[in-house]
Amino acid sequence: MGSIIASGEAEIGFQQVSELSHFAGVDYVGPLPADIQRFTTFSSGIIAGAKTADAAKALVKFITAPAAADAFKRRGMEPG
């Protein structure tokens, strides 16, 4: 959607904020109204017996830590 808007092929589009934020030529004007807004919820899981389970757990701990919240916000996402 971002490339279509940036090229001028469309004047308006709807896409996740994090997907539009890196396109030059696209101005994010705000979210959809609350009654029609949809959110994508991400979750994590580690396969039982994973060879690198400790590294996977460390990654999940890192991206869910309060210190990571600002990085998510800067990319148009809401930390949970």
PDB file of N, CA and C in Angstrom:
ATOM      1  N   MET A   1       0.818  -1.182   0.000  1.00  0.00           N
ATOM      2  CA  MET A   1       0.000   0.000   0.000  1.00  0.00           C
ATOM      3  C   MET A   1       0.868   1.254   0.000  1.00  0.00           C
ATOM      4  N   GLY A   2       1.934   1.237   0.787  1.00  0.00           N
ATOM      5  CA  GLY A   2       2.796   2.414   0.872  1.00  0.00           C
ATOM      6  C   GLY A   2       3.386   2.817  -0.460  1.00  0.00           C
ATOM      7  N   SER A   3       3.833   1.855  -1.245  1.00  0.00           N
ATOM      8  CA  SER A   3       4.434   2.194  -2.542  1.00  0.00           C
ATOM      9  C   SER A   3       3.387   2.712  -3.520  1.00  0.00           C
ATOM     10  N   ILE A   4       2.158   2.224  -3.421  1.00  0.00           N
ATOM     11  CA  ILE A   4       1.088   2.698  -4.295  1.00  0.00           C
ATOM     12  C   ILE A   4       0.739   4.149  -3.970  1.00  0.00           C
ATOM     13  N   ILE A   5       0.679   4.468  -2.684  1.00  0.00           N
ATOM     14  CA  ILE A   5       0.393   5.846  -2.285  1.00  0.00           C
ATOM     15  C   ILE A   5       1.568   6.755  -2.648  1.00  0.00           C
ATOM     16  N   ALA A   6       2.775   6.327  -2.317  1.00  0.00           N
ATOM     17  CA  ALA A   6       3.963   7.146  -2.572  1.00  0.00           C
ATOM     18  C   ALA A   6       4.140   7.447  -4.059  1.00  0.00           C
ATOM     19  N   SER A   7       3.745   6.511  -4.918  1.00  0.00           N
ATOM     20  CA  SER A   7       3.889   6.718  -6.362  1.00  0.00           C
ATOM     21  C   SER A   7       2.806   7.619  -6.933  1.00  0.00           C
ATOM     22  N   GLY A   8       1.744   7.862  -6.149  1.00  0.00           N
ATOM     23  CA  GLY A   8       0.645   8.686  -6.630  1.00  0.00           C
ATOM     24  C   GLY A   8      -0.451   7.895  -7.306  1.00  0.00           C
ATOM     25  N   GLU A   9      -0.291   6.574  -7.371  1.00  0.00           N
ATOM     26  CA  GLU A   9      -1.309   5.723  -7.990  1.00  0.00           C
ATOM     27  C   GLU A   9      -2.620   5.758  -7.199  1.00  0.00           C
ATOM     28  N   ALA A  10      -2.513   5.978  -5.892  1.00  0.00           N
ATOM     29  CA  ALA A  10      -3.695   6.124  -5.030  1.00  0.00           C
ATOM     30  C   ALA A  10      -3.462   7.321  -4.119  1.00  0.00           C
ATOM     31  N   GLU A  11      -4.539   7.976  -3.722  1.00  0.00           N
ATOM     32  CA  GLU A  11      -4.424   9.139  -2.856  1.00  0.00           C
ATOM     33  C   GLU A  11      -4.614   8.801  -1.387  1.00  0.00           C
ATOM     34  N   ILE A  12      -5.236   7.666  -1.117  1.00  0.00           N
ATOM     35  CA  ILE A  12      -5.499   7.268   0.258  1.00  0.00           C
ATOM     36  C   ILE A  12      -5.389   5.745   0.338  1.00  0.00           C
ATOM     37  N   GLY A  13      -4.961   5.272   1.497  1.00  0.00           N
ATOM     38  CA  GLY A  13      -4.852   3.829   1.687  1.00  0.00           C
ATOM     39  C   GLY A  13      -4.918   3.489   3.159  1.00  0.00           C
ATOM     40  N   PHE A  14      -5.163   2.254   3.430  1.00  0.00           N
ATOM     41  CA  PHE A  14      -5.263   1.777   4.802  1.00  0.00           C
ATOM     42  C   PHE A  14      -4.303   0.607   4.967  1.00  0.00           C
ATOM     43  N   GLN A  15      -3.457   0.694   5.988  1.00  0.00           N
ATOM     44  CA  GLN A  15      -2.448  -0.332   6.234  1.00  0.00           C
ATOM     45  C   GLN A  15      -1.970  -0.155   7.667  1.00  0.00           C
ATOM     46  N   GLN A  16      -1.304  -1.159   8.191  1.00  0.00           N
ATOM     47  CA  GLN A  16      -0.736  -1.042   9.534  1.00  0.00           C
ATOM     48  C   GLN A  16       0.280   0.101   9.546  1.00  0.00           C
ATOM     49  N   VAL A  17       0.251   0.890  10.613  1.00  0.00           N
ATOM     50  CA  VAL A  17       1.136   2.051  10.737  1.00  0.00           C
ATOM     51  C   VAL A  17       2.589   1.633  10.562  1.00  0.00           C
ATOM     52  N   SER A  18       2.968   0.529  11.172  1.00  0.00           N
ATOM     53  CA  SER A  18       4.361   0.087  11.091  1.00  0.00           C
ATOM     54  C   SER A  18       4.775  -0.250   9.661  1.00  0.00           C
ATOM     55  N   GLU A  19       3.826  -0.556   8.808  1.00  0.00           N
ATOM     56  CA  GLU A  19       4.131  -0.874   7.407  1.00  0.00           C
ATOM     57  C   GLU A  19       4.238   0.387   6.553  1.00  0.00           C
ATOM     58  N   LEU A  20       3.606   1.458   6.971  1.00  0.00           N
ATOM     59  CA  LEU A  20       3.630   2.697   6.189  1.00  0.00           C
ATOM     60  C   LEU A  20       4.735   3.651   6.593  1.00  0.00           C
ATOM     61  N   SER A  21       5.209   3.538   7.808  1.00  0.00           N
ATOM     62  CA  SER A  21       6.084   4.557   8.384  1.00  0.00           C
ATOM     63  C   SER A  21       7.406   4.761   7.656  1.00  0.00           C
ATOM     64  N   HIS A  22       7.871   3.817   6.893  1.00  0.00           N
ATOM     65  CA  HIS A  22       9.176   3.976   6.243  1.00  0.00           C
ATOM     66  C   HIS A  22       9.086   4.436   4.789  1.00  0.00           C
ATOM     67  N   PHE A  23       7.894   4.743   4.308  1.00  0.00           N
ATOM     68  CA  PHE A  23       7.737   5.178   2.926  1.00  0.00           C
ATOM     69  C   PHE A  23       7.827   6.700   2.808  1.00  0.00           C
ATOM     70  N   ALA A  24       8.818   7.159   2.047  1.00  0.00           N
ATOM     71  CA  ALA A  24       8.889   8.596   1.742  1.00  0.00           C
ATOM     72  C   ALA A  24       7.706   8.923   0.839  1.00  0.00           C
ATOM     73  N   GLY A  25       7.090  10.064   1.081  1.00  0.00           N
ATOM     74  CA  GLY A  25       5.958  10.457   0.255  1.00  0.00           C
ATOM     75  C   GLY A  25       4.616  10.017   0.806  1.00  0.00           C
ATOM     76  N   VAL A  26       4.618   9.369   1.980  1.00  0.00           N
ATOM     77  CA  VAL A  26       3.377   8.948   2.627  1.00  0.00           C
ATOM     78  C   VAL A  26       3.243   9.707   3.934  1.00  0.00           C
ATOM     79  N   ASP A  27       2.128  10.368   4.119  1.00  0.00           N
ATOM     80  CA  ASP A  27       1.847  11.075   5.363  1.00  0.00           C
ATOM     81  C   ASP A  27       0.812  10.281   6.149  1.00  0.00           C
ATOM     82  N   TYR A  28       1.192   9.839   7.332  1.00  0.00           N
ATOM     83  CA  TYR A  28       0.262   9.144   8.211  1.00  0.00           C
ATOM     84  C   TYR A  28      -0.608  10.197   8.886  1.00  0.00           C
ATOM     85  N   VAL A  29      -1.921  10.101   8.707  1.00  0.00           N
ATOM     86  CA  VAL A  29      -2.809  11.127   9.251  1.00  0.00           C
ATOM     87  C   VAL A  29      -3.538  10.683  10.505  1.00  0.00           C
ATOM     88  N   GLY A  30      -3.451   9.407  10.863  1.00  0.00           N
ATOM     89  CA  GLY A  30      -4.060   8.960  12.103  1.00  0.00           C
ATOM     90  C   GLY A  30      -4.737   7.612  11.970  1.00  0.00           C
ATOM     91  N   PRO A  31      -5.153   7.083  13.100  1.00  0.00           N
ATOM     92  CA  PRO A  31      -5.790   5.759  13.097  1.00  0.00           C
ATOM     93  C   PRO A  31      -7.246   5.839  12.639  1.00  0.00           C
ATOM     94  N   LEU A  32      -7.788   4.700  12.321  1.00  0.00           N
ATOM     95  CA  LEU A  32      -9.214   4.602  12.009  1.00  0.00           C
ATOM     96  C   LEU A  32     -10.019   4.840  13.280  1.00  0.00           C
ATOM     97  N   PRO A  33     -11.284   5.206  13.159  1.00  0.00           N
ATOM     98  CA  PRO A  33     -12.119   5.368  14.353  1.00  0.00           C
ATOM     99  C   PRO A  33     -12.156   4.069  15.174  1.00  0.00           C
ATOM    100  N   ALA A  34     -12.246   4.230  16.478  1.00  0.00           N
ATOM    101  CA  ALA A  34     -12.179   3.087  17.395  1.00  0.00           C
ATOM    102  C   ALA A  34     -13.188   1.988  17.076  1.00  0.00           C
ATOM    103  N   ASP A  35     -14.385   2.356  16.621  1.00  0.00           N
ATOM    104  CA  ASP A  35     -15.410   1.333  16.386  1.00  0.00           C
ATOM    105  C   ASP A  35     -15.141   0.460  15.168  1.00  0.00           C
ATOM    106  N   ILE A  36     -14.215   0.868  14.296  1.00  0.00           N
ATOM    107  CA  ILE A  36     -13.854   0.012  13.165  1.00  0.00           C
ATOM    108  C   ILE A  36     -12.374  -0.385  13.177  1.00  0.00           C
ATOM    109  N   GLN A  37     -11.645   0.074  14.161  1.00  0.00           N
ATOM    110  CA  GLN A  37     -10.214  -0.218  14.279  1.00  0.00           C
ATOM    111  C   GLN A  37      -9.984  -1.691  14.615  1.00  0.00           C
ATOM    112  N   ARG A  38      -8.982  -2.271  14.040  1.00  0.00           N
ATOM    113  CA  ARG A  38      -8.571  -3.644  14.338  1.00  0.00           C
ATOM    114  C   ARG A  38      -7.093  -3.624  14.711  1.00  0.00           C
ATOM    115  N   PHE A  39      -6.733  -4.432  15.665  1.00  0.00           N
ATOM    116  CA  PHE A  39      -5.350  -4.508  16.109  1.00  0.00           C
ATOM    117  C   PHE A  39      -4.795  -5.893  15.824  1.00  0.00           C
ATOM    118  N   THR A  40      -3.533  -5.944  15.491  1.00  0.00           N
ATOM    119  CA  THR A  40      -2.829  -7.213  15.308  1.00  0.00           C
ATOM    120  C   THR A  40      -2.085  -7.497  16.602  1.00  0.00           C
ATOM    121  N   THR A  41      -2.334  -8.659  17.167  1.00  0.00           N
ATOM    122  CA  THR A  41      -1.648  -9.059  18.393  1.00  0.00           C
ATOM    123  C   THR A  41      -0.600 -10.102  18.039  1.00  0.00           C
ATOM    124  N   PHE A  42       0.616  -9.844  18.450  1.00  0.00           N
ATOM    125  CA  PHE A  42       1.703 -10.779  18.207  1.00  0.00           C
ATOM    126  C   PHE A  42       1.936 -11.608  19.460  1.00  0.00           C
ATOM    127  N   SER A  43       2.300 -12.839  19.272  1.00  0.00           N
ATOM    128  CA  SER A  43       2.615 -13.713  20.401  1.00  0.00           C
ATOM    129  C   SER A  43       3.875 -14.496  20.067  1.00  0.00           C
ATOM    130  N   SER A  44       4.435 -15.120  21.079  1.00  0.00           N
ATOM    131  CA  SER A  44       5.654 -15.904  20.855  1.00  0.00           C
ATOM    132  C   SER A  44       5.477 -17.283  21.451  1.00  0.00           C
ATOM    133  N   GLY A  45       6.246 -18.182  20.947  1.00  0.00           N
ATOM    134  CA  GLY A  45       6.248 -19.539  21.470  1.00  0.00           C
ATOM    135  C   GLY A  45       7.584 -20.181  21.176  1.00  0.00           C
ATOM    136  N   ILE A  46       7.945 -21.109  21.987  1.00  0.00           N
ATOM    137  CA  ILE A  46       9.206 -21.830  21.802  1.00  0.00           C
ATOM    138  C   ILE A  46       8.881 -23.312  21.745  1.00  0.00           C
ATOM    139  N   ILE A  47       9.318 -23.956  20.716  1.00  0.00           N
ATOM    140  CA  ILE A  47       9.040 -25.369  20.518  1.00  0.00           C
ATOM    141  C   ILE A  47       9.722 -26.188  21.613  1.00  0.00           C
ATOM    142  N   ALA A  48       8.974 -27.110  22.180  1.00  0.00           N
ATOM    143  CA  ALA A  48       9.562 -28.013  23.184  1.00  0.00           C
ATOM    144  C   ALA A  48      10.741 -28.742  22.549  1.00  0.00           C
ATOM    145  N   GLY A  49      11.853 -28.753  23.228  1.00  0.00           N
ATOM    146  CA  GLY A  49      13.049 -29.419  22.708  1.00  0.00           C
ATOM    147  C   GLY A  49      13.843 -28.571  21.730  1.00  0.00           C
ATOM    148  N   ALA A  50      13.544 -27.281  21.638  1.00  0.00           N
ATOM    149  CA  ALA A  50      14.275 -26.403  20.724  1.00  0.00           C
ATOM    150  C   ALA A  50      15.758 -26.409  21.075  1.00  0.00           C
ATOM    151  N   LYS A  51      16.617 -26.430  20.066  1.00  0.00           N
ATOM    152  CA  LYS A  51      18.062 -26.478  20.275  1.00  0.00           C
ATOM    153  C   LYS A  51      18.599 -25.173  20.863  1.00  0.00           C
ATOM    154  N   THR A  52      17.937 -24.079  20.582  1.00  0.00           N
ATOM    155  CA  THR A  52      18.407 -22.787  21.078  1.00  0.00           C
ATOM    156  C   THR A  52      17.335 -22.132  21.959  1.00  0.00           C
ATOM    157  N   ALA A  53      16.719 -22.908  22.810  1.00  0.00           N
ATOM    158  CA  ALA A  53      15.632 -22.411  23.658  1.00  0.00           C
ATOM    159  C   ALA A  53      16.090 -21.256  24.548  1.00  0.00           C
ATOM    160  N   ASP A  54      17.292 -21.329  25.075  1.00  0.00           N
ATOM    161  CA  ASP A  54      17.766 -20.243  25.940  1.00  0.00           C
ATOM    162  C   ASP A  54      17.878 -18.930  25.167  1.00  0.00           C
ATOM    163  N   ALA A  55      18.364 -18.996  23.932  1.00  0.00           N
ATOM    164  CA  ALA A  55      18.463 -17.791  23.107  1.00  0.00           C
ATOM    165  C   ALA A  55      17.064 -17.268  22.764  1.00  0.00           C
ATOM    166  N   ALA A  56      16.143 -18.156  22.473  1.00  0.00           N
ATOM    167  CA  ALA A  56      14.771 -17.754  22.169  1.00  0.00           C
ATOM    168  C   ALA A  56      14.129 -17.088  23.383  1.00  0.00           C
ATOM    169  N   LYS A  57      14.327 -17.652  24.532  1.00  0.00           N
ATOM    170  CA  LYS A  57      13.783 -17.054  25.765  1.00  0.00           C
ATOM    171  C   LYS A  57      14.385 -15.679  26.014  1.00  0.00           C
ATOM    172  N   ALA A  58      15.677 -15.535  25.743  1.00  0.00           N
ATOM    173  CA  ALA A  58      16.339 -14.240  25.923  1.00  0.00           C
ATOM    174  C   ALA A  58      15.766 -13.199  24.962  1.00  0.00           C
ATOM    175  N   LEU A  59      15.500 -13.611  23.731  1.00  0.00           N
ATOM    176  CA  LEU A  59      14.911 -12.690  22.757  1.00  0.00           C
ATOM    177  C   LEU A  59      13.523 -12.239  23.214  1.00  0.00           C
ATOM    178  N   VAL A  60      12.696 -13.171  23.631  1.00  0.00           N
ATOM    179  CA  VAL A  60      11.351 -12.834  24.099  1.00  0.00           C
ATOM    180  C   VAL A  60      11.426 -11.908  25.310  1.00  0.00           C
ATOM    181  N   LYS A  61      12.335 -12.188  26.217  1.00  0.00           N
ATOM    182  CA  LYS A  61      12.501 -11.334  27.395  1.00  0.00           C
ATOM    183  C   LYS A  61      12.926  -9.927  26.973  1.00  0.00           C
ATOM    184  N   PHE A  62      13.821  -9.843  26.005  1.00  0.00           N
ATOM    185  CA  PHE A  62      14.318  -8.556  25.523  1.00  0.00           C
ATOM    186  C   PHE A  62      13.213  -7.727  24.867  1.00  0.00           C
ATOM    187  N   ILE A  63      12.445  -8.328  23.962  1.00  0.00           N
ATOM    188  CA  ILE A  63      11.446  -7.550  23.230  1.00  0.00           C
ATOM    189  C   ILE A  63      10.188  -7.262  24.044  1.00  0.00           C
ATOM    190  N   THR A  64      10.026  -7.932  25.178  1.00  0.00           N
ATOM    191  CA  THR A  64       8.867  -7.658  26.034  1.00  0.00           C
ATOM    192  C   THR A  64       9.227  -6.818  27.260  1.00  0.00           C
ATOM    193  N   ALA A  65      10.477  -6.452  27.380  1.00  0.00           N
ATOM    194  CA  ALA A  65      10.922  -5.629  28.510  1.00  0.00           C
ATOM    195  C   ALA A  65      10.415  -4.198  28.352  1.00  0.00           C
ATOM    196  N   PRO A  66      10.143  -3.518  29.443  1.00  0.00           N
ATOM    197  CA  PRO A  66       9.699  -2.120  29.361  1.00  0.00           C
ATOM    198  C   PRO A  66      10.651  -1.235  28.550  1.00  0.00           C
ATOM    199  N   ALA A  67      11.925  -1.518  28.578  1.00  0.00           N
ATOM    200  CA  ALA A  67      12.901  -0.709  27.840  1.00  0.00           C
ATOM    201  C   ALA A  67      12.701  -0.791  26.322  1.00  0.00           C
ATOM    202  N   ALA A  68      12.055  -1.835  25.831  1.00  0.00           N
ATOM    203  CA  ALA A  68      11.828  -1.992  24.392  1.00  0.00           C
ATOM    204  C   ALA A  68      10.610  -1.217  23.905  1.00  0.00           C
ATOM    205  N   ALA A  69       9.776  -0.735  24.813  1.00  0.00           N
ATOM    206  CA  ALA A  69       8.523  -0.078  24.446  1.00  0.00           C
ATOM    207  C   ALA A  69       8.735   1.113  23.511  1.00  0.00           C
ATOM    208  N   ASP A  70       9.743   1.917  23.764  1.00  0.00           N
ATOM    209  CA  ASP A  70       9.983   3.098  22.935  1.00  0.00           C
ATOM    210  C   ASP A  70      10.300   2.713  21.492  1.00  0.00           C
ATOM    211  N   ALA A  71      11.070   1.661  21.302  1.00  0.00           N
ATOM    212  CA  ALA A  71      11.410   1.206  19.945  1.00  0.00           C
ATOM    213  C   ALA A  71      10.159   0.776  19.187  1.00  0.00           C
ATOM    214  N   PHE A  72       9.246   0.115  19.863  1.00  0.00           N
ATOM    215  CA  PHE A  72       7.994  -0.285  19.219  1.00  0.00           C
ATOM    216  C   PHE A  72       7.155   0.937  18.867  1.00  0.00           C
ATOM    217  N   LYS A  73       7.048   1.890  19.775  1.00  0.00           N
ATOM    218  CA  LYS A  73       6.264   3.094  19.544  1.00  0.00           C
ATOM    219  C   LYS A  73       6.798   3.886  18.357  1.00  0.00           C
ATOM    220  N   ARG A  74       8.129   3.995  18.239  1.00  0.00           N
ATOM    221  CA  ARG A  74       8.740   4.729  17.130  1.00  0.00           C
ATOM    222  C   ARG A  74       8.409   4.093  15.783  1.00  0.00           C
ATOM    223  N   ARG A  75       8.042   2.842  15.786  1.00  0.00           N
ATOM    224  CA  ARG A  75       7.712   2.127  14.554  1.00  0.00           C
ATOM    225  C   ARG A  75       6.204   1.963  14.352  1.00  0.00           C
ATOM    226  N   GLY A  76       5.434   2.719  15.119  1.00  0.00           N
ATOM    227  CA  GLY A  76       3.988   2.729  14.942  1.00  0.00           C
ATOM    228  C   GLY A  76       3.253   1.597  15.592  1.00  0.00           C
ATOM    229  N   MET A  77       3.882   0.926  16.535  1.00  0.00           N
ATOM    230  CA  MET A  77       3.244  -0.177  17.232  1.00  0.00           C
ATOM    231  C   MET A  77       3.011   0.194  18.693  1.00  0.00           C
ATOM    232  N   GLU A  78       2.057  -0.475  19.306  1.00  0.00           N
ATOM    233  CA  GLU A  78       1.767  -0.241  20.701  1.00  0.00           C
ATOM    234  C   GLU A  78       2.248  -1.435  21.513  1.00  0.00           C
ATOM    235  N   PRO A  79       3.208  -1.227  22.412  1.00  0.00           N
ATOM    236  CA  PRO A  79       3.696  -2.342  23.222  1.00  0.00           C
ATOM    237  C   PRO A  79       2.607  -2.840  24.142  1.00  0.00           C
ATOM    238  N   GLY A  80       2.636  -4.129  24.398  1.00  0.00           N
ATOM    239  CA  GLY A  80       1.578  -4.701  25.233  1.00  0.00           C
ATOM    240  C   GLY A  80       2.076  -5.319  26.501  1.00  0.00           C
TER     241      GLY A  80
END
